[in-house]
Amino acid sequence: MRSLLALLIVTLALAALCYCEKDPKDPSGPPSAASIKIKKEVANAFVKRQKRSSLYERYLEYYRSPMEQMHERCENYPPCDYLSDQIGFSMAYNHFFGRY
């Protein structure tokens, strides 16, 4: 029993050392969140949506609601998108595009 416990402790210690060791090729450590972000347009280029089968779902895909169209209009205009994160969508949309 003691030998099993000792083996477990040694294994955990080696795992901790391997986990904490830095990679010599990457001196900066793990990548920051800013280096991982990509633009929305670039992300949409390679992320494909699953095809839908029913006619109603196809209709919804091609003919979006007016509110969804306004959201996309605001998201595609960077100042409106930034302001909507700060004060909310409705106020940002009213500020840039008028009443909806």
PDB file of N, CA and C in Angstrom:
ATOM      1  N   MET A   1       0.819  -1.198   0.000  1.00  0.00           N
ATOM      2  CA  MET A   1       0.000   0.000   0.000  1.00  0.00           C
ATOM      3  C   MET A   1       0.865   1.265   0.000  1.00  0.00           C
ATOM      4  N   ARG A   2       1.925   1.220   0.815  1.00  0.00           N
ATOM      5  CA  ARG A   2       2.805   2.384   0.886  1.00  0.00           C
ATOM      6  C   ARG A   2       3.564   2.589  -0.417  1.00  0.00           C
ATOM      7  N   SER A   3       3.945   1.508  -1.057  1.00  0.00           N
ATOM      8  CA  SER A   3       4.674   1.644  -2.323  1.00  0.00           C
ATOM      9  C   SER A   3       3.763   2.225  -3.415  1.00  0.00           C
ATOM     10  N   LEU A   4       2.487   1.858  -3.374  1.00  0.00           N
ATOM     11  CA  LEU A   4       1.536   2.411  -4.332  1.00  0.00           C
ATOM     12  C   LEU A   4       1.330   3.900  -4.084  1.00  0.00           C
ATOM     13  N   LEU A   5       1.240   4.282  -2.817  1.00  0.00           N
ATOM     14  CA  LEU A   5       1.081   5.693  -2.462  1.00  0.00           C
ATOM     15  C   LEU A   5       2.326   6.488  -2.853  1.00  0.00           C
ATOM     16  N   ALA A   6       3.506   5.926  -2.642  1.00  0.00           N
ATOM     17  CA  ALA A   6       4.749   6.599  -3.013  1.00  0.00           C
ATOM     18  C   ALA A   6       4.834   6.753  -4.535  1.00  0.00           C
ATOM     19  N   LEU A   7       4.443   5.718  -5.257  1.00  0.00           N
ATOM     20  CA  LEU A   7       4.447   5.794  -6.716  1.00  0.00           C
ATOM     21  C   LEU A   7       3.486   6.866  -7.215  1.00  0.00           C
ATOM     22  N   LEU A   8       2.329   6.963  -6.580  1.00  0.00           N
ATOM     23  CA  LEU A   8       1.359   7.984  -6.950  1.00  0.00           C
ATOM     24  C   LEU A   8       1.891   9.388  -6.690  1.00  0.00           C
ATOM     25  N   ILE A   9       2.533   9.591  -5.579  1.00  0.00           N
ATOM     26  CA  ILE A   9       3.095  10.906  -5.241  1.00  0.00           C
ATOM     27  C   ILE A   9       4.208  11.293  -6.214  1.00  0.00           C
ATOM     28  N   VAL A  10       5.075  10.334  -6.560  1.00  0.00           N
ATOM     29  CA  VAL A  10       6.156  10.612  -7.501  1.00  0.00           C
ATOM     30  C   VAL A  10       5.577  10.949  -8.878  1.00  0.00           C
ATOM     31  N   THR A  11       4.557  10.212  -9.305  1.00  0.00           N
ATOM     32  CA  THR A  11       3.931  10.476 -10.593  1.00  0.00           C
ATOM     33  C   THR A  11       3.297  11.858 -10.630  1.00  0.00           C
ATOM     34  N   LEU A  12       2.594  12.233  -9.568  1.00  0.00           N
ATOM     35  CA  LEU A  12       1.978  13.561  -9.504  1.00  0.00           C
ATOM     36  C   LEU A  12       3.026  14.668  -9.491  1.00  0.00           C
ATOM     37  N   ALA A  13       4.141  14.446  -8.809  1.00  0.00           N
ATOM     38  CA  ALA A  13       5.201  15.450  -8.769  1.00  0.00           C
ATOM     39  C   ALA A  13       5.821  15.646 -10.152  1.00  0.00           C
ATOM     40  N   LEU A  14       6.053  14.531 -10.873  1.00  0.00           N
ATOM     41  CA  LEU A  14       6.606  14.639 -12.219  1.00  0.00           C
ATOM     42  C   LEU A  14       5.617  15.315 -13.171  1.00  0.00           C
ATOM     43  N   ALA A  15       4.340  15.007 -13.015  1.00  0.00           N
ATOM     44  CA  ALA A  15       3.332  15.645 -13.864  1.00  0.00           C
ATOM     45  C   ALA A  15       3.282  17.147 -13.598  1.00  0.00           C
ATOM     46  N   ALA A  16       3.379  17.545 -12.337  1.00  0.00           N
ATOM     47  CA  ALA A  16       3.371  18.970 -12.000  1.00  0.00           C
ATOM     48  C   ALA A  16       4.591  19.676 -12.580  1.00  0.00           C
ATOM     49  N   LEU A  17       5.755  19.026 -12.529  1.00  0.00           N
ATOM     50  CA  LEU A  17       6.954  19.640 -13.097  1.00  0.00           C
ATOM     51  C   LEU A  17       6.845  19.781 -14.608  1.00  0.00           C
ATOM     52  N   CYS A  18       6.329  18.762 -15.274  1.00  0.00           N
ATOM     53  CA  CYS A  18       6.176  18.833 -16.735  1.00  0.00           C
ATOM     54  C   CYS A  18       5.147  19.879 -17.130  1.00  0.00           C
ATOM     55  N   TYR A  19       4.099  20.010 -16.352  1.00  0.00           N
ATOM     56  CA  TYR A  19       3.041  20.962 -16.671  1.00  0.00           C
ATOM     57  C   TYR A  19       3.515  22.401 -16.478  1.00  0.00           C
ATOM     58  N   CYS A  20       4.327  22.635 -15.471  1.00  0.00           N
ATOM     59  CA  CYS A  20       4.757  23.999 -15.155  1.00  0.00           C
ATOM     60  C   CYS A  20       5.955  24.450 -15.979  1.00  0.00           C
ATOM     61  N   GLU A  21       6.629  23.530 -16.652  1.00  0.00           N
ATOM     62  CA  GLU A  21       7.815  23.886 -17.420  1.00  0.00           C
ATOM     63  C   GLU A  21       7.433  24.706 -18.643  1.00  0.00           C
ATOM     64  N   LYS A  22       8.181  25.790 -18.896  1.00  0.00           N
ATOM     65  CA  LYS A  22       7.910  26.646 -20.049  1.00  0.00           C
ATOM     66  C   LYS A  22       8.532  26.057 -21.295  1.00  0.00           C
ATOM     67  N   ASP A  23       7.895  26.307 -22.418  1.00  0.00           N
ATOM     68  CA  ASP A  23       8.409  25.870 -23.711  1.00  0.00           C
ATOM     69  C   ASP A  23       9.494  26.851 -24.142  1.00  0.00           C
ATOM     70  N   PRO A  24      10.691  26.375 -24.455  1.00  0.00           N
ATOM     71  CA  PRO A  24      11.760  27.313 -24.844  1.00  0.00           C
ATOM     72  C   PRO A  24      11.475  28.021 -26.166  1.00  0.00           C
ATOM     73  N   LYS A  25      10.632  27.446 -27.014  1.00  0.00           N
ATOM     74  CA  LYS A  25      10.320  28.087 -28.288  1.00  0.00           C
ATOM     75  C   LYS A  25       9.342  29.237 -28.122  1.00  0.00           C
ATOM     76  N   ASP A  26       8.554  29.235 -27.054  1.00  0.00           N
ATOM     77  CA  ASP A  26       7.527  30.259 -26.832  1.00  0.00           C
ATOM     78  C   ASP A  26       7.827  31.004 -25.530  1.00  0.00           C
ATOM     79  N   PRO A  27       8.707  32.020 -25.571  1.00  0.00           N
ATOM     80  CA  PRO A  27       9.089  32.705 -24.335  1.00  0.00           C
ATOM     81  C   PRO A  27       7.977  33.561 -23.751  1.00  0.00           C
ATOM     82  N   SER A  28       6.990  33.920 -24.539  1.00  0.00           N
ATOM     83  CA  SER A  28       5.956  34.819 -24.033  1.00  0.00           C
ATOM     84  C   SER A  28       4.877  34.084 -23.246  1.00  0.00           C
ATOM     85  N   GLY A  29       4.889  32.774 -23.254  1.00  0.00           N
ATOM     86  CA  GLY A  29       3.872  32.027 -22.521  1.00  0.00           C
ATOM     87  C   GLY A  29       2.653  31.778 -23.386  1.00  0.00           C
ATOM     88  N   PRO A  30       1.502  31.562 -22.760  1.00  0.00           N
ATOM     89  CA  PRO A  30       0.294  31.279 -23.541  1.00  0.00           C
ATOM     90  C   PRO A  30      -0.155  32.505 -24.333  1.00  0.00           C
ATOM     91  N   PRO A  31      -0.807  32.289 -25.471  1.00  0.00           N
ATOM     92  CA  PRO A  31      -1.237  33.437 -26.282  1.00  0.00           C
ATOM     93  C   PRO A  31      -2.301  34.254 -25.565  1.00  0.00           C
ATOM     94  N   SER A  32      -2.243  35.538 -25.761  1.00  0.00           N
ATOM     95  CA  SER A  32      -3.222  36.408 -25.124  1.00  0.00           C
ATOM     96  C   SER A  32      -4.522  36.398 -25.919  1.00  0.00           C
ATOM     97  N   ALA A  33      -5.578  36.907 -25.325  1.00  0.00           N
ATOM     98  CA  ALA A  33      -6.887  36.927 -25.985  1.00  0.00           C
ATOM     99  C   ALA A  33      -6.877  37.837 -27.205  1.00  0.00           C
ATOM    100  N   ALA A  34      -6.062  38.866 -27.196  1.00  0.00           N
ATOM    101  CA  ALA A  34      -6.009  39.794 -28.329  1.00  0.00           C
ATOM    102  C   ALA A  34      -5.407  39.142 -29.562  1.00  0.00           C
ATOM    103  N   SER A  35      -4.496  38.200 -29.374  1.00  0.00           N
ATOM    104  CA  SER A  35      -3.878  37.560 -30.532  1.00  0.00           C
ATOM    105  C   SER A  35      -4.762  36.484 -31.133  1.00  0.00           C
ATOM    106  N   ILE A  36      -5.794  36.038 -30.422  1.00  0.00           N
ATOM    107  CA  ILE A  36      -6.669  34.984 -30.907  1.00  0.00           C
ATOM    108  C   ILE A  36      -7.838  35.552 -31.695  1.00  0.00           C
ATOM    109  N   LYS A  37      -8.235  36.780 -31.436  1.00  0.00           N
ATOM    110  CA  LYS A  37      -9.409  37.370 -32.073  1.00  0.00           C
ATOM    111  C   LYS A  37      -9.199  37.557 -33.568  1.00  0.00           C
ATOM    112  N   ILE A  38     -10.295  37.312 -34.326  1.00  0.00           N
ATOM    113  CA  ILE A  38     -10.296  37.572 -35.754  1.00  0.00           C
ATOM    114  C   ILE A  38     -11.530  38.389 -36.082  1.00  0.00           C
ATOM    115  N   LYS A  39     -11.520  39.021 -37.248  1.00  0.00           N
ATOM    116  CA  LYS A  39     -12.650  39.862 -37.638  1.00  0.00           C
ATOM    117  C   LYS A  39     -13.870  39.000 -37.938  1.00  0.00           C
ATOM    118  N   LYS A  40     -15.054  39.590 -37.785  1.00  0.00           N
ATOM    119  CA  LYS A  40     -16.301  38.864 -38.032  1.00  0.00           C
ATOM    120  C   LYS A  40     -16.405  38.413 -39.476  1.00  0.00           C
ATOM    121  N   GLU A  41     -15.967  39.262 -40.410  1.00  0.00           N
ATOM    122  CA  GLU A  41     -16.064  38.930 -41.815  1.00  0.00           C
ATOM    123  C   GLU A  41     -15.184  37.731 -42.157  1.00  0.00           C
ATOM    124  N   VAL A  42     -13.992  37.666 -41.545  1.00  0.00           N
ATOM    125  CA  VAL A  42     -13.082  36.558 -41.800  1.00  0.00           C
ATOM    126  C   VAL A  42     -13.636  35.274 -41.195  1.00  0.00           C
ATOM    127  N   ALA A  43     -14.206  35.374 -40.010  1.00  0.00           N
ATOM    128  CA  ALA A  43     -14.774  34.198 -39.362  1.00  0.00           C
ATOM    129  C   ALA A  43     -15.946  33.651 -40.158  1.00  0.00           C
ATOM    130  N   ASN A  44     -16.760  34.521 -40.719  1.00  0.00           N
ATOM    131  CA  ASN A  44     -17.905  34.069 -41.505  1.00  0.00           C
ATOM    132  C   ASN A  44     -17.478  33.415 -42.809  1.00  0.00           C
ATOM    133  N   ALA A  45     -16.274  33.694 -43.270  1.00  0.00           N
ATOM    134  CA  ALA A  45     -15.817  33.134 -44.535  1.00  0.00           C
ATOM    135  C   ALA A  45     -15.554  31.634 -44.434  1.00  0.00           C
ATOM    136  N   PHE A  46     -15.087  31.148 -43.282  1.00  0.00           N
ATOM    137  CA  PHE A  46     -14.769  29.728 -43.199  1.00  0.00           C
ATOM    138  C   PHE A  46     -15.674  28.928 -42.271  1.00  0.00           C
ATOM    139  N   VAL A  47     -16.572  29.572 -41.556  1.00  0.00           N
ATOM    140  CA  VAL A  47     -17.534  28.843 -40.731  1.00  0.00           C
ATOM    141  C   VAL A  47     -18.833  28.746 -41.515  1.00  0.00           C
ATOM    142  N   LYS A  48     -19.165  27.554 -41.936  1.00  0.00           N
ATOM    143  CA  LYS A  48     -20.360  27.340 -42.740  1.00  0.00           C
ATOM    144  C   LYS A  48     -21.496  26.845 -41.854  1.00  0.00           C
ATOM    145  N   ARG A  49     -22.680  27.383 -42.103  1.00  0.00           N
ATOM    146  CA  ARG A  49     -23.862  26.957 -41.359  1.00  0.00           C
ATOM    147  C   ARG A  49     -24.383  25.651 -41.924  1.00  0.00           C
ATOM    148  N   GLN A  50     -25.029  24.869 -41.057  1.00  0.00           N
ATOM    149  CA  GLN A  50     -25.611  23.607 -41.495  1.00  0.00           C
ATOM    150  C   GLN A  50     -26.813  23.884 -42.390  1.00  0.00           C
ATOM    151  N   LYS A  51     -26.946  23.091 -43.450  1.00  0.00           N
ATOM    152  CA  LYS A  51     -28.062  23.268 -44.370  1.00  0.00           C
ATOM    153  C   LYS A  51     -29.365  22.870 -43.680  1.00  0.00           C
ATOM    154  N   ARG A  52     -30.421  23.628 -43.964  1.00  0.00           N
ATOM    155  CA  ARG A  52     -31.726  23.346 -43.376  1.00  0.00           C
ATOM    156  C   ARG A  52     -32.598  22.657 -44.417  1.00  0.00           C
ATOM    157  N   SER A  53     -33.579  21.908 -43.922  1.00  0.00           N
ATOM    158  CA  SER A  53     -34.341  21.100 -44.865  1.00  0.00           C
ATOM    159  C   SER A  53     -35.765  21.613 -45.095  1.00  0.00           C
ATOM    160  N   SER A  54     -36.419  22.142 -44.088  1.00  0.00           N
ATOM    161  CA  SER A  54     -37.819  22.514 -44.271  1.00  0.00           C
ATOM    162  C   SER A  54     -37.940  23.848 -45.012  1.00  0.00           C
ATOM    163  N   LEU A  55     -39.047  24.019 -45.708  1.00  0.00           N
ATOM    164  CA  LEU A  55     -39.274  25.249 -46.471  1.00  0.00           C
ATOM    165  C   LEU A  55     -39.386  26.462 -45.559  1.00  0.00           C
ATOM    166  N   TYR A  56     -40.020  26.285 -44.394  1.00  0.00           N
ATOM    167  CA  TYR A  56     -40.170  27.395 -43.456  1.00  0.00           C
ATOM    168  C   TYR A  56     -38.806  27.880 -42.973  1.00  0.00           C
ATOM    169  N   GLU A  57     -37.913  26.958 -42.666  1.00  0.00           N
ATOM    170  CA  GLU A  57     -36.586  27.356 -42.196  1.00  0.00           C
ATOM    171  C   GLU A  57     -35.780  28.027 -43.315  1.00  0.00           C
ATOM    172  N   ARG A  58     -35.946  27.573 -44.546  1.00  0.00           N
ATOM    173  CA  ARG A  58     -35.281  28.237 -45.661  1.00  0.00           C
ATOM    174  C   ARG A  58     -35.824  29.649 -45.864  1.00  0.00           C
ATOM    175  N   TYR A  59     -37.128  29.794 -45.677  1.00  0.00           N
ATOM    176  CA  TYR A  59     -37.743  31.118 -45.783  1.00  0.00           C
ATOM    177  C   TYR A  59     -37.150  32.050 -44.733  1.00  0.00           C
ATOM    178  N   LEU A  60     -37.030  31.556 -43.498  1.00  0.00           N
ATOM    179  CA  LEU A  60     -36.477  32.382 -42.421  1.00  0.00           C
ATOM    180  C   LEU A  60     -35.019  32.749 -42.677  1.00  0.00           C
ATOM    181  N   GLU A  61     -34.292  31.851 -43.343  1.00  0.00           N
ATOM    182  CA  GLU A  61     -32.889  32.135 -43.615  1.00  0.00           C
ATOM    183  C   GLU A  61     -32.732  33.246 -44.644  1.00  0.00           C
ATOM    184  N   TYR A  62     -33.578  33.260 -45.666  1.00  0.00           N
ATOM    185  CA  TYR A  62     -33.438  34.254 -46.728  1.00  0.00           C
ATOM    186  C   TYR A  62     -34.158  35.565 -46.421  1.00  0.00           C
ATOM    187  N   TYR A  63     -35.238  35.518 -45.680  1.00  0.00           N
ATOM    188  CA  TYR A  63     -36.017  36.717 -45.371  1.00  0.00           C
ATOM    189  C   TYR A  63     -36.006  36.939 -43.865  1.00  0.00           C
ATOM    190  N   ARG A  64     -35.045  37.708 -43.428  1.00  0.00           N
ATOM    191  CA  ARG A  64     -34.882  37.954 -41.999  1.00  0.00           C
ATOM    192  C   ARG A  64     -35.865  39.011 -41.523  1.00  0.00           C
ATOM    193  N   SER A  65     -36.112  38.988 -40.218  1.00  0.00           N
ATOM    194  CA  SER A  65     -37.012  39.970 -39.633  1.00  0.00           C
ATOM    195  C   SER A  65     -36.364  41.359 -39.684  1.00  0.00           C
ATOM    196  N   PRO A  66     -37.162  42.409 -39.636  1.00  0.00           N
ATOM    197  CA  PRO A  66     -36.590  43.768 -39.663  1.00  0.00           C
ATOM    198  C   PRO A  66     -35.631  44.025 -38.498  1.00  0.00           C
ATOM    199  N   MET A  67     -35.946  43.468 -37.320  1.00  0.00           N
ATOM    200  CA  MET A  67     -35.056  43.682 -36.171  1.00  0.00           C
ATOM    201  C   MET A  67     -33.702  43.010 -36.405  1.00  0.00           C
ATOM    202  N   GLU A  68     -33.707  41.817 -36.998  1.00  0.00           N
ATOM    203  CA  GLU A  68     -32.451  41.145 -37.279  1.00  0.00           C
ATOM    204  C   GLU A  68     -31.655  41.901 -38.337  1.00  0.00           C
ATOM    205  N   GLN A  69     -32.334  42.475 -39.313  1.00  0.00           N
ATOM    206  CA  GLN A  69     -31.648  43.278 -40.325  1.00  0.00           C
ATOM    207  C   GLN A  69     -31.011  44.506 -39.698  1.00  0.00           C
ATOM    208  N   MET A  70     -31.710  45.114 -38.731  1.00  0.00           N
ATOM    209  CA  MET A  70     -31.139  46.288 -38.054  1.00  0.00           C
ATOM    210  C   MET A  70     -29.930  45.885 -37.215  1.00  0.00           C
ATOM    211  N   HIS A  71     -30.006  44.732 -36.543  1.00  0.00           N
ATOM    212  CA  HIS A  71     -28.858  44.260 -35.766  1.00  0.00           C
ATOM    213  C   HIS A  71     -27.648  44.050 -36.675  1.00  0.00           C
ATOM    214  N   GLU A  72     -27.858  43.425 -37.824  1.00  0.00           N
ATOM    215  CA  GLU A  72     -26.745  43.196 -38.741  1.00  0.00           C
ATOM    216  C   GLU A  72     -26.209  44.509 -39.301  1.00  0.00           C
ATOM    217  N   ARG A  73     -27.080  45.455 -39.573  1.00  0.00           N
ATOM    218  CA  ARG A  73     -26.635  46.755 -40.072  1.00  0.00           C
ATOM    219  C   ARG A  73     -25.756  47.442 -39.038  1.00  0.00           C
ATOM    220  N   CYS A  74     -26.155  47.363 -37.780  1.00  0.00           N
ATOM    221  CA  CYS A  74     -25.370  47.981 -36.706  1.00  0.00           C
ATOM    222  C   CYS A  74     -24.059  47.224 -36.485  1.00  0.00           C
ATOM    223  N   GLU A  75     -24.088  45.874 -36.561  1.00  0.00           N
ATOM    224  CA  GLU A  75     -22.871  45.092 -36.365  1.00  0.00           C
ATOM    225  C   GLU A  75     -21.851  45.337 -37.469  1.00  0.00           C
ATOM    226  N   ASN A  76     -22.308  45.609 -38.678  1.00  0.00           N
ATOM    227  CA  ASN A  76     -21.388  45.817 -39.790  1.00  0.00           C
ATOM    228  C   ASN A  76     -20.799  47.223 -39.814  1.00  0.00           C
ATOM    229  N   TYR A  77     -21.315  48.130 -39.007  1.00  0.00           N
ATOM    230  CA  TYR A  77     -20.784  49.488 -38.903  1.00  0.00           C
ATOM    231  C   TYR A  77     -20.022  49.579 -37.579  1.00  0.00           C
ATOM    232  N   PRO A  78     -18.687  49.555 -37.610  1.00  0.00           N
ATOM    233  CA  PRO A  78     -17.900  49.438 -36.380  1.00  0.00           C
ATOM    234  C   PRO A  78     -18.220  50.454 -35.279  1.00  0.00           C
ATOM    235  N   PRO A  79     -18.446  51.747 -35.576  1.00  0.00           N
ATOM    236  CA  PRO A  79     -18.775  52.652 -34.464  1.00  0.00           C
ATOM    237  C   PRO A  79     -20.096  52.275 -33.779  1.00  0.00           C
ATOM    238  N   CYS A  80     -21.085  51.846 -34.553  1.00  0.00           N
ATOM    239  CA  CYS A  80     -22.362  51.442 -33.971  1.00  0.00           C
ATOM    240  C   CYS A  80     -22.194  50.156 -33.154  1.00  0.00           C
ATOM    241  N   ASP A  81     -21.394  49.224 -33.671  1.00  0.00           N
ATOM    242  CA  ASP A  81     -21.163  47.968 -32.960  1.00  0.00           C
ATOM    243  C   ASP A  81     -20.476  48.228 -31.626  1.00  0.00           C
ATOM    244  N   TYR A  82     -19.468  49.116 -31.625  1.00  0.00           N
ATOM    245  CA  TYR A  82     -18.756  49.442 -30.390  1.00  0.00           C
ATOM    246  C   TYR A  82     -19.696  50.133 -29.390  1.00  0.00           C
ATOM    247  N   LEU A  83     -20.476  51.086 -29.879  1.00  0.00           N
ATOM    248  CA  LEU A  83     -21.376  51.815 -28.988  1.00  0.00           C
ATOM    249  C   LEU A  83     -22.484  50.910 -28.458  1.00  0.00           C
ATOM    250  N   SER A  84     -22.922  49.937 -29.260  1.00  0.00           N
ATOM    251  CA  SER A  84     -23.969  49.033 -28.785  1.00  0.00           C
ATOM    252  C   SER A  84     -23.469  48.172 -27.635  1.00  0.00           C
ATOM    253  N   ASP A  85     -22.163  47.877 -27.612  1.00  0.00           N
ATOM    254  CA  ASP A  85     -21.602  47.155 -26.464  1.00  0.00           C
ATOM    255  C   ASP A  85     -21.580  48.026 -25.215  1.00  0.00           C
ATOM    256  N   GLN A  86     -21.482  49.335 -25.409  1.00  0.00           N
ATOM    257  CA  GLN A  86     -21.376  50.237 -24.272  1.00  0.00           C
ATOM    258  C   GLN A  86     -22.744  50.635 -23.712  1.00  0.00           C
ATOM    259  N   ILE A  87     -23.674  51.038 -24.593  1.00  0.00           N
ATOM    260  CA  ILE A  87     -24.947  51.596 -24.104  1.00  0.00           C
ATOM    261  C   ILE A  87     -26.171  50.804 -24.518  1.00  0.00           C
ATOM    262  N   GLY A  88     -25.988  49.748 -25.323  1.00  0.00           N
ATOM    263  CA  GLY A  88     -27.120  48.944 -25.748  1.00  0.00           C
ATOM    264  C   GLY A  88     -27.453  49.166 -27.208  1.00  0.00           C
ATOM    265  N   PHE A  89     -28.089  48.157 -27.801  1.00  0.00           N
ATOM    266  CA  PHE A  89     -28.343  48.190 -29.241  1.00  0.00           C
ATOM    267  C   PHE A  89     -29.297  49.309 -29.633  1.00  0.00           C
ATOM    268  N   SER A  90     -30.422  49.429 -28.940  1.00  0.00           N
ATOM    269  CA  SER A  90     -31.449  50.378 -29.379  1.00  0.00           C
ATOM    270  C   SER A  90     -30.932  51.815 -29.358  1.00  0.00           C
ATOM    271  N   MET A  91     -30.207  52.191 -28.306  1.00  0.00           N
ATOM    272  CA  MET A  91     -29.687  53.559 -28.235  1.00  0.00           C
ATOM    273  C   MET A  91     -28.596  53.800 -29.280  1.00  0.00           C
ATOM    274  N   ALA A  92     -27.753  52.793 -29.508  1.00  0.00           N
ATOM    275  CA  ALA A  92     -26.697  52.945 -30.516  1.00  0.00           C
ATOM    276  C   ALA A  92     -27.300  53.039 -31.919  1.00  0.00           C
ATOM    277  N   TYR A  93     -28.299  52.224 -32.198  1.00  0.00           N
ATOM    278  CA  TYR A  93     -28.925  52.262 -33.523  1.00  0.00           C
ATOM    279  C   TYR A  93     -29.618  53.615 -33.746  1.00  0.00           C
ATOM    280  N   ASN A  94     -30.312  54.104 -32.722  1.00  0.00           N
ATOM    281  CA  ASN A  94     -30.955  55.411 -32.839  1.00  0.00           C
ATOM    282  C   ASN A  94     -29.937  56.520 -33.050  1.00  0.00           C
ATOM    283  N   HIS A  95     -28.789  56.398 -32.425  1.00  0.00           N
ATOM    284  CA  HIS A  95     -27.759  57.435 -32.539  1.00  0.00           C
ATOM    285  C   HIS A  95     -27.209  57.511 -33.977  1.00  0.00           C
ATOM    286  N   PHE A  96     -26.980  56.359 -34.608  1.00  0.00           N
ATOM    287  CA  PHE A  96     -26.346  56.342 -35.926  1.00  0.00           C
ATOM    288  C   PHE A  96     -27.334  56.327 -37.083  1.00  0.00           C
ATOM    289  N   PHE A  97     -28.490  55.673 -36.918  1.00  0.00           N
ATOM    290  CA  PHE A  97     -29.380  55.473 -38.044  1.00  0.00           C
ATOM    291  C   PHE A  97     -30.771  56.059 -37.833  1.00  0.00           C
ATOM    292  N   GLY A  98     -31.040  56.674 -36.718  1.00  0.00           N
ATOM    293  CA  GLY A  98     -32.363  57.247 -36.461  1.00  0.00           C
ATOM    294  C   GLY A  98     -33.307  56.238 -35.825  1.00  0.00           C
ATOM    295  N   ARG A  99     -34.581  56.630 -35.704  1.00  0.00           N
ATOM    296  CA  ARG A  99     -35.557  55.742 -35.058  1.00  0.00           C
ATOM    297  C   ARG A  99     -35.786  54.483 -35.861  1.00  0.00           C
ATOM    298  N   TYR A 100     -36.095  53.425 -35.114  1.00  0.00           N
ATOM    299  CA  TYR A 100     -36.459  52.192 -35.802  1.00  0.00           C
ATOM    300  C   TYR A 100     -37.873  51.814 -35.530  1.00  0.00           C
TER     301      TYR A 100
END
